[in-house]
Amino acid sequence: MTDGRGPSDEEWARFMEQAAAGDGNAPKEPSARARMVTERLRHQQDPPPGWRTGPTWQEREGRGRRKRRLKAVLAVVVIAGIALIAVRPELVIDRVTGKTQAREDAKNAGPPAPETARPTAPPPSADPDAPTLQEPFRGSPALQWADGAAGIELPAAEAVGGVSKEKIAEGLQNAKAFLVAANLDPAVLKGQRPEAALALLDPKDTDSAAHLEKSLAQPGKQQDPMNLFSRYNPAELKLVGEVVKVRGRMWVEPGKEAGQAQIRVDYSFVYPLAKAAQGADRVERTIVRREISFMVADPRKWQVTTGRLRLADYRVDLANSACEVYDGYMHPGFDADPVTGVTPSGTPEDPYDRSKSIEATSQDGCGTVSRS
């Protein structure tokens, strides 16, 4: 044990002699002076209490560069996001309001069950969603409707009113062929003569044949070809895409006399249209609903042509087409169009509501629609 002052010169000399002589009593551990030196060296190497070591300067430089690169990338992403929102704010608004999810739900919804009887209510209403060139049926109940001729389904044929099952089956096929030729044929839609549809009508019904010929040659209020044929002027409009949505039903009833049957059809056709001008991107839909009665009869009892249809009665409802225009074409309204002609008025009607007959929903004058 030392008093802290260290060994004297005599003690140090004696220690050295013992060590040289190999005396077993010589100290085996460092001296206090050696320990003091070692302790000073250790304190110089170890950090003081509370000091936190950090990365080397190379590591600090590397981390700095990575942080600067990350900040630059984040800045580019933020700027791009702001620019996109400025150009298309609906991307954010639609997501916040839930319209994006509603739109996806509508796309993924399955088709409705076939219409075998008159519906009891109109299709459910939804938040309005504007159609586009890419999605012309967006925001419309017709989005889930069948495409074109697939929407015209035939009931099972049975003998009705003294007309055989075979004649009824033939009549049903002809009725569908007429609807397709008159409302879905691309050439007819562009205003060409509906030859295939006319060829299905009985030439012995001379009054109807003469009326239709006059309507096609000289369209007017009393003889408008739109009463039976869906058409637009290709110089003014174009069909958006290649699909026309269709929904409705067909059924058979006994005729007024024995040996007669009536094939009744009630179908709605939805046409997405845009201006024919280059670059036009606004889409409007015109909905055409048709109720037609075709008569089929036993040729042994009635003067009819086998394999042809007779027009017994027909009605049409044009939704979103100019009032008091009878030139044989559809004329949907576009926001940029000047307001001319008769101003629509009255209680708005839902053109997708098929729960009532055309006669029951018709109004005097020029009506309005609640949606298109």
Protein backbone atom coordinates (compact mmCIF):
# COMPACT_ATOMS: atom_id res chain seq x y z
CA MET A 1 0.00 0.00 0.00
CA THR A 2 1.40 3.40 -0.85
CA ASP A 3 0.54 6.81 0.47
CA GLY A 4 0.08 8.17 -3.01
CA ARG A 5 3.51 9.77 -3.22
CA GLY A 6 5.22 6.78 -5.03
CA PRO A 7 8.28 4.77 -3.91
CA SER A 8 11.46 6.48 -2.71
CA ASP A 9 14.76 6.22 -4.59
CA GLU A 10 16.05 3.66 -2.07
CA GLU A 11 12.95 1.50 -2.45
CA TRP A 12 13.14 1.70 -6.22
CA ALA A 13 16.87 0.67 -6.18
CA ARG A 14 16.08 -2.24 -3.88
CA PHE A 15 13.30 -3.37 -6.17
CA MET A 16 15.56 -3.35 -9.15
CA GLU A 17 18.22 -5.43 -7.33
CA GLN A 18 15.62 -8.02 -6.28
CA ALA A 19 14.27 -8.23 -9.75
CA ALA A 20 17.73 -8.71 -11.21
CA ALA A 21 18.48 -11.42 -8.63
CA GLY A 22 15.20 -13.23 -9.43
CA ASP A 23 13.89 -12.81 -5.88
CA GLY A 24 10.47 -14.37 -5.66
CA ASN A 25 9.33 -11.53 -3.44
CA ALA A 26 9.63 -9.03 -6.29
CA PRO A 27 6.22 -7.55 -7.23
CA LYS A 28 4.41 -9.35 -10.05
CA GLU A 29 2.09 -6.46 -10.92
CA PRO A 30 2.86 -3.05 -12.39
CA SER A 31 3.98 -0.39 -10.04
CA ALA A 32 1.78 2.48 -9.03
CA ARG A 33 3.69 4.69 -11.47
CA ALA A 34 3.14 2.18 -14.24
CA ARG A 35 -0.51 1.99 -13.31
CA MET A 36 -0.76 5.76 -13.35
CA VAL A 37 0.75 5.89 -16.82
CA THR A 38 -1.54 3.12 -18.04
CA GLU A 39 -4.55 4.85 -16.50
CA ARG A 40 -3.68 8.15 -18.19
CA LEU A 41 -3.35 6.38 -21.56
CA ARG A 42 -6.69 4.64 -21.07
CA HIS A 43 -8.46 7.90 -20.29
CA GLN A 44 -6.98 9.46 -23.41
CA GLN A 45 -8.39 6.62 -25.58
CA ASP A 46 -11.85 6.20 -23.97
CA PRO A 47 -14.55 8.86 -24.43
CA PRO A 48 -15.74 10.76 -21.36
CA PRO A 49 -19.01 9.69 -19.69
CA GLY A 50 -22.13 10.79 -21.70
CA TRP A 51 -20.36 11.12 -25.06
CA ARG A 52 -22.14 9.46 -28.00
CA THR A 53 -20.12 8.14 -30.82
CA GLY A 54 -21.35 8.80 -34.32
CA PRO A 55 -20.52 7.64 -37.84
CA THR A 56 -17.24 8.32 -39.43
CA TRP A 57 -17.03 11.27 -41.82
CA GLN A 58 -17.23 8.91 -44.79
CA GLU A 59 -20.48 7.49 -43.43
CA ARG A 60 -21.80 10.99 -42.74
CA GLU A 61 -21.07 12.06 -46.31
CA GLY A 62 -22.75 8.92 -47.73
CA ARG A 63 -25.86 9.44 -45.64
CA GLY A 64 -26.02 13.07 -46.65
CA ARG A 65 -25.92 12.19 -50.33
CA ARG A 66 -28.66 9.57 -49.88
CA LYS A 67 -30.88 12.04 -48.00
CA ARG A 68 -30.39 14.67 -50.71
CA ARG A 69 -31.30 12.15 -53.44
CA LEU A 70 -34.39 11.05 -51.50
CA LYS A 71 -35.53 14.64 -51.02
CA ALA A 72 -35.09 15.32 -54.74
CA VAL A 73 -37.15 12.27 -55.69
CA LEU A 74 -39.89 13.21 -53.21
CA ALA A 75 -39.95 16.75 -54.59
CA VAL A 76 -40.44 15.46 -58.14
CA VAL A 77 -43.24 13.16 -57.01
CA VAL A 78 -45.00 15.97 -55.12
CA ILE A 79 -44.71 18.37 -58.08
CA ALA A 80 -46.05 15.74 -60.47
CA GLY A 81 -48.95 15.02 -58.12
CA ILE A 82 -49.84 18.70 -57.83
CA ALA A 83 -49.72 19.08 -61.62
CA LEU A 84 -51.99 16.07 -62.11
CA ILE A 85 -54.51 17.38 -59.58
CA ALA A 86 -54.50 20.76 -61.32
CA VAL A 87 -55.26 19.14 -64.68
CA ARG A 88 -57.69 16.47 -63.42
CA PRO A 89 -59.03 17.48 -59.99
CA GLU A 90 -61.83 14.90 -60.30
CA LEU A 91 -59.28 12.14 -59.54
CA VAL A 92 -59.05 13.42 -55.98
CA ILE A 93 -62.61 14.71 -55.65
CA ASP A 94 -64.14 11.48 -56.91
CA ARG A 95 -62.07 9.41 -54.50
CA VAL A 96 -62.94 11.63 -51.54
CA THR A 97 -66.68 11.69 -52.37
CA GLY A 98 -66.81 7.95 -52.98
CA LYS A 99 -67.69 8.29 -56.66
CA THR A 100 -64.62 6.31 -57.69
CA GLN A 101 -65.76 3.33 -55.62
CA ALA A 102 -69.33 3.69 -56.86
CA ARG A 103 -68.05 3.72 -60.42
CA GLU A 104 -66.10 0.52 -59.87
CA ASP A 105 -69.10 -1.12 -58.23
CA ALA A 106 -71.25 -0.22 -61.24
CA LYS A 107 -68.67 -1.66 -63.64
CA ASN A 108 -68.46 -4.91 -61.71
CA ALA A 109 -72.20 -5.31 -61.20
CA GLY A 110 -73.70 -8.22 -63.06
CA PRO A 111 -76.41 -7.85 -65.71
CA PRO A 112 -80.00 -7.64 -64.47
CA ALA A 113 -82.28 -10.64 -64.86
CA PRO A 114 -84.12 -10.86 -68.18
CA GLU A 115 -87.27 -8.76 -68.28
CA THR A 116 -90.15 -11.24 -68.49
CA ALA A 117 -92.86 -8.86 -67.28
CA ARG A 118 -93.29 -5.14 -66.92
CA PRO A 119 -91.09 -3.84 -64.08
CA THR A 120 -92.79 -2.46 -61.01
CA ALA A 121 -90.42 0.50 -60.62
CA PRO A 122 -87.72 2.38 -62.52
CA PRO A 123 -84.04 1.45 -62.13
CA PRO A 124 -82.46 2.83 -58.93
CA SER A 125 -81.12 6.34 -59.20
CA ALA A 126 -77.44 7.06 -58.60
CA ASP A 127 -75.18 10.08 -58.44
CA PRO A 128 -74.91 11.54 -61.94
CA ASP A 129 -71.68 10.57 -63.64
CA ALA A 130 -70.86 12.10 -67.00
CA PRO A 131 -70.25 9.74 -69.92
CA THR A 132 -66.91 9.82 -71.75
CA LEU A 133 -65.64 8.63 -75.11
CA GLN A 134 -64.02 5.69 -73.33
CA GLU A 135 -67.06 4.94 -71.12
CA PRO A 136 -70.14 6.20 -72.98
CA PHE A 137 -72.62 4.44 -70.66
CA ARG A 138 -71.07 5.65 -67.41
CA GLY A 139 -73.66 7.01 -65.00
CA SER A 140 -76.53 5.24 -66.79
CA PRO A 141 -78.59 2.18 -65.79
CA ALA A 142 -77.86 0.94 -69.31
CA LEU A 143 -74.28 0.20 -68.23
CA GLN A 144 -75.48 -3.23 -67.05
CA TRP A 145 -77.87 -3.78 -69.96
CA ALA A 146 -77.13 -6.24 -72.74
CA ASP A 147 -75.20 -5.26 -75.84
CA GLY A 148 -77.19 -5.01 -79.05
CA ALA A 149 -79.10 -8.03 -80.28
CA ALA A 150 -78.19 -10.00 -77.14
CA GLY A 151 -80.75 -7.87 -75.32
CA ILE A 152 -83.61 -9.15 -77.51
CA GLU A 153 -84.52 -12.54 -76.06
CA LEU A 154 -87.33 -14.66 -77.46
CA PRO A 155 -89.98 -16.35 -75.35
CA ALA A 156 -90.80 -20.00 -75.89
CA ALA A 157 -93.10 -20.48 -78.86
CA GLU A 158 -96.58 -21.85 -78.27
CA ALA A 159 -99.74 -22.01 -80.39
CA VAL A 160 -101.80 -18.87 -79.72
CA GLY A 161 -105.16 -17.68 -81.08
CA GLY A 162 -105.49 -20.47 -83.57
CA VAL A 163 -101.99 -19.86 -85.00
CA SER A 164 -99.68 -22.87 -84.88
CA LYS A 165 -96.58 -23.12 -82.74
CA GLU A 166 -94.42 -23.19 -85.90
CA LYS A 167 -95.96 -19.96 -87.20
CA ILE A 168 -95.52 -18.29 -83.82
CA ALA A 169 -91.84 -19.38 -83.68
CA GLU A 170 -91.28 -17.97 -87.17
CA GLY A 171 -93.03 -14.75 -86.20
CA LEU A 172 -90.87 -14.34 -83.08
CA GLN A 173 -87.68 -14.79 -85.11
CA ASN A 174 -88.89 -12.25 -87.68
CA ALA A 175 -89.85 -9.76 -84.97
CA LYS A 176 -86.35 -9.90 -83.53
CA ALA A 177 -84.81 -9.61 -86.99
CA PHE A 178 -86.94 -6.51 -87.63
CA LEU A 179 -85.85 -4.84 -84.38
CA VAL A 180 -82.19 -5.55 -85.13
CA ALA A 181 -82.43 -4.30 -88.71
CA ALA A 182 -84.40 -1.18 -87.77
CA ASN A 183 -82.50 -0.14 -84.63
CA LEU A 184 -79.03 -1.72 -84.60
CA ASP A 185 -77.85 -2.03 -88.19
CA PRO A 186 -74.88 0.41 -88.54
CA ALA A 187 -75.90 1.45 -92.07
CA VAL A 188 -79.49 2.17 -91.02
CA LEU A 189 -78.27 4.13 -88.00
CA LYS A 190 -76.35 6.36 -90.41
CA GLY A 191 -79.51 7.08 -92.35
CA GLN A 192 -79.42 4.51 -95.11
CA ARG A 193 -82.56 2.82 -96.33
CA PRO A 194 -83.68 -0.03 -93.98
CA GLU A 195 -84.00 -2.64 -96.69
CA ALA A 196 -83.72 -5.69 -94.42
CA ALA A 197 -86.43 -4.41 -92.08
CA LEU A 198 -88.79 -3.52 -94.93
CA ALA A 199 -88.30 -6.96 -96.47
CA LEU A 200 -89.79 -8.56 -93.32
CA LEU A 201 -93.11 -6.71 -93.67
CA ASP A 202 -96.06 -8.11 -95.59
CA PRO A 203 -96.28 -6.47 -99.05
CA LYS A 204 -100.02 -7.22 -99.07
CA ASP A 205 -100.38 -4.57 -96.37
CA THR A 206 -100.28 -1.83 -99.01
CA ASP A 207 -101.34 1.02 -96.73
CA SER A 208 -98.42 0.50 -94.34
CA ALA A 209 -95.97 0.02 -97.22
CA ALA A 210 -97.05 3.30 -98.86
CA HIS A 211 -96.82 5.22 -95.58
CA LEU A 212 -93.32 3.98 -94.85
CA GLU A 213 -92.12 4.79 -98.35
CA LYS A 214 -93.41 8.34 -98.00
CA SER A 215 -91.81 8.78 -94.58
CA LEU A 216 -88.43 7.72 -95.92
CA ALA A 217 -88.68 9.92 -99.00
CA GLN A 218 -90.27 12.98 -97.39
CA PRO A 219 -89.88 12.99 -93.59
CA GLY A 220 -92.37 15.15 -91.71
CA LYS A 221 -94.52 15.36 -88.62
CA GLN A 222 -97.15 12.98 -90.01
CA GLN A 223 -94.63 10.56 -91.53
CA ASP A 224 -91.43 10.53 -89.50
CA PRO A 225 -89.20 7.48 -90.17
CA MET A 226 -87.99 7.75 -86.55
CA ASN A 227 -91.35 6.27 -85.60
CA LEU A 228 -89.97 2.86 -86.65
CA PHE A 229 -86.28 3.30 -87.53
CA SER A 230 -83.44 4.70 -85.36
CA ARG A 231 -81.23 7.05 -87.38
CA TYR A 232 -78.78 9.92 -87.01
CA ASN A 233 -77.21 12.23 -89.57
CA PRO A 234 -73.53 11.19 -89.94
CA ALA A 235 -72.69 14.73 -91.09
CA GLU A 236 -73.67 15.95 -87.62
CA LEU A 237 -73.24 13.01 -85.24
CA LYS A 238 -71.32 9.80 -84.72
CA LEU A 239 -71.99 6.78 -82.57
CA VAL A 240 -69.49 6.54 -79.71
CA GLY A 241 -68.07 3.04 -79.89
CA GLU A 242 -69.91 0.18 -81.53
CA VAL A 243 -72.36 -0.78 -78.79
CA VAL A 244 -76.02 0.11 -78.40
CA LYS A 245 -77.52 -0.99 -75.08
CA VAL A 246 -80.84 -2.82 -75.21
CA ARG A 247 -83.43 -3.92 -72.67
CA GLY A 248 -87.02 -5.07 -72.98
CA ARG A 249 -89.29 -8.02 -73.59
CA MET A 250 -91.36 -9.81 -76.20
CA TRP A 251 -94.56 -11.79 -75.71
CA VAL A 252 -97.51 -13.20 -77.67
CA GLU A 253 -101.24 -12.53 -77.26
CA PRO A 254 -104.31 -13.75 -79.12
CA GLY A 255 -105.41 -11.52 -81.98
CA LYS A 256 -108.75 -9.78 -82.42
CA GLU A 257 -110.07 -12.55 -84.67
CA ALA A 258 -109.72 -16.31 -84.75
CA GLY A 259 -106.62 -17.43 -86.57
CA GLN A 260 -104.69 -14.30 -85.54
CA ALA A 261 -101.98 -13.68 -82.94
CA GLN A 262 -100.14 -10.54 -81.94
CA ILE A 263 -96.43 -10.50 -81.18
CA ARG A 264 -95.91 -7.60 -78.80
CA VAL A 265 -92.49 -6.00 -78.27
CA ASP A 266 -91.43 -3.31 -75.79
CA TYR A 267 -87.73 -2.38 -76.01
CA SER A 268 -85.50 0.54 -75.07
CA PHE A 269 -82.38 1.32 -77.11
CA VAL A 270 -79.67 3.61 -75.70
CA TYR A 271 -77.46 5.42 -78.23
CA PRO A 272 -74.30 7.26 -77.07
CA LEU A 273 -73.61 10.06 -79.54
CA ALA A 274 -70.97 12.74 -80.07
CA LYS A 275 -70.58 15.56 -82.55
CA ALA A 276 -69.07 14.49 -85.86
CA ALA A 277 -66.61 17.42 -85.71
CA GLN A 278 -62.92 16.55 -85.32
CA GLY A 279 -61.88 16.47 -81.66
CA ALA A 280 -65.42 16.54 -80.24
CA ASP A 281 -65.37 14.73 -76.88
CA ARG A 282 -68.76 15.52 -75.33
CA VAL A 283 -71.05 12.47 -75.17
CA GLU A 284 -74.84 12.61 -74.98
CA ARG A 285 -77.23 9.68 -74.92
CA THR A 286 -80.56 9.41 -76.73
CA ILE A 287 -82.95 6.74 -75.45
CA VAL A 288 -85.48 5.35 -77.92
CA ARG A 289 -88.27 3.21 -76.54
CA ARG A 290 -90.48 1.29 -78.95
CA GLU A 291 -93.77 -0.53 -78.44
CA ILE A 292 -94.83 -2.46 -81.56
CA SER A 293 -97.52 -5.03 -82.28
CA PHE A 294 -96.93 -7.39 -85.20
CA MET A 295 -99.76 -9.55 -86.44
CA VAL A 296 -99.20 -13.12 -87.60
CA ALA A 297 -102.12 -15.07 -89.03
CA ASP A 298 -103.12 -18.39 -90.44
CA PRO A 299 -102.73 -17.98 -94.23
CA ARG A 300 -105.57 -20.44 -94.76
CA LYS A 301 -107.96 -17.96 -93.16
CA TRP A 302 -106.43 -14.57 -93.85
CA GLN A 303 -104.88 -12.79 -96.82
CA VAL A 304 -101.31 -12.68 -95.51
CA THR A 305 -97.92 -13.51 -96.95
CA THR A 306 -96.29 -16.53 -95.33
CA GLY A 307 -93.13 -15.67 -93.44
CA ARG A 308 -93.91 -11.94 -93.19
CA LEU A 309 -95.11 -9.63 -90.43
CA ARG A 310 -97.94 -7.11 -90.46
CA LEU A 311 -97.71 -3.86 -88.51
CA ALA A 312 -100.75 -3.67 -86.27
CA ASP A 313 -99.70 -0.75 -84.06
CA TYR A 314 -96.58 1.11 -82.96
CA ARG A 315 -95.53 3.91 -80.61
CA VAL A 316 -92.19 5.57 -79.93
CA ASP A 317 -90.75 7.67 -77.14
CA LEU A 318 -87.61 9.70 -77.93
CA ALA A 319 -85.74 10.91 -74.86
CA ASN A 320 -83.12 13.62 -75.33
CA SER A 321 -83.93 14.56 -78.91
CA ALA A 322 -85.02 17.96 -80.16
CA CYS A 323 -88.74 18.64 -80.00
CA GLU A 324 -90.71 19.64 -83.08
CA VAL A 325 -87.98 18.40 -85.44
CA TYR A 326 -89.25 15.79 -87.86
CA ASP A 327 -86.44 15.23 -90.34
CA GLY A 328 -86.06 11.52 -89.56
CA TYR A 329 -82.97 11.83 -87.34
CA MET A 330 -82.05 11.94 -83.65
CA HIS A 331 -81.00 15.33 -82.30
CA PRO A 332 -79.57 15.06 -78.77
CA GLY A 333 -78.88 18.29 -76.91
CA PHE A 334 -75.31 19.40 -76.20
CA ASP A 335 -74.36 22.13 -73.72
CA ALA A 336 -72.60 24.19 -76.38
CA ASP A 337 -75.62 24.20 -78.70
CA PRO A 338 -77.63 27.45 -78.89
CA VAL A 339 -81.12 27.25 -77.44
CA THR A 340 -83.61 27.19 -80.31
CA GLY A 341 -87.08 25.84 -80.99
CA VAL A 342 -89.59 24.74 -78.42
CA THR A 343 -88.50 24.93 -74.78
CA PRO A 344 -89.01 21.63 -72.91
CA SER A 345 -91.32 21.85 -69.91
CA GLY A 346 -93.48 19.74 -67.64
CA THR A 347 -92.64 17.12 -65.03
CA PRO A 348 -89.31 15.43 -65.83
CA GLU A 349 -89.70 11.82 -66.91
CA ASP A 350 -87.16 9.06 -66.38
CA PRO A 351 -86.41 7.56 -69.82
CA TYR A 352 -85.17 4.36 -68.14
CA ASP A 353 -88.48 3.83 -66.37
CA ARG A 354 -90.13 0.87 -68.08
CA SER A 355 -92.76 0.33 -65.39
CA LYS A 356 -95.39 2.25 -67.39
CA SER A 357 -96.46 2.14 -71.01
CA ILE A 358 -95.46 4.87 -73.46
CA GLU A 359 -99.08 5.98 -73.64
CA ALA A 360 -99.27 6.33 -69.86
CA THR A 361 -96.15 8.50 -69.66
CA SER A 362 -96.74 10.67 -72.74
CA GLN A 363 -97.30 14.39 -72.23
CA ASP A 364 -98.66 17.12 -74.42
CA GLY A 365 -96.01 19.37 -75.91
CA CYS A 366 -92.29 19.04 -75.33
CA GLY A 367 -91.40 17.21 -72.14
CA THR A 368 -88.17 16.96 -70.17
CA VAL A 369 -86.09 14.03 -68.95
CA SER A 370 -84.68 13.54 -65.48
CA ARG A 371 -81.53 11.81 -66.76
CA SER A 372 -80.01 10.45 -69.93
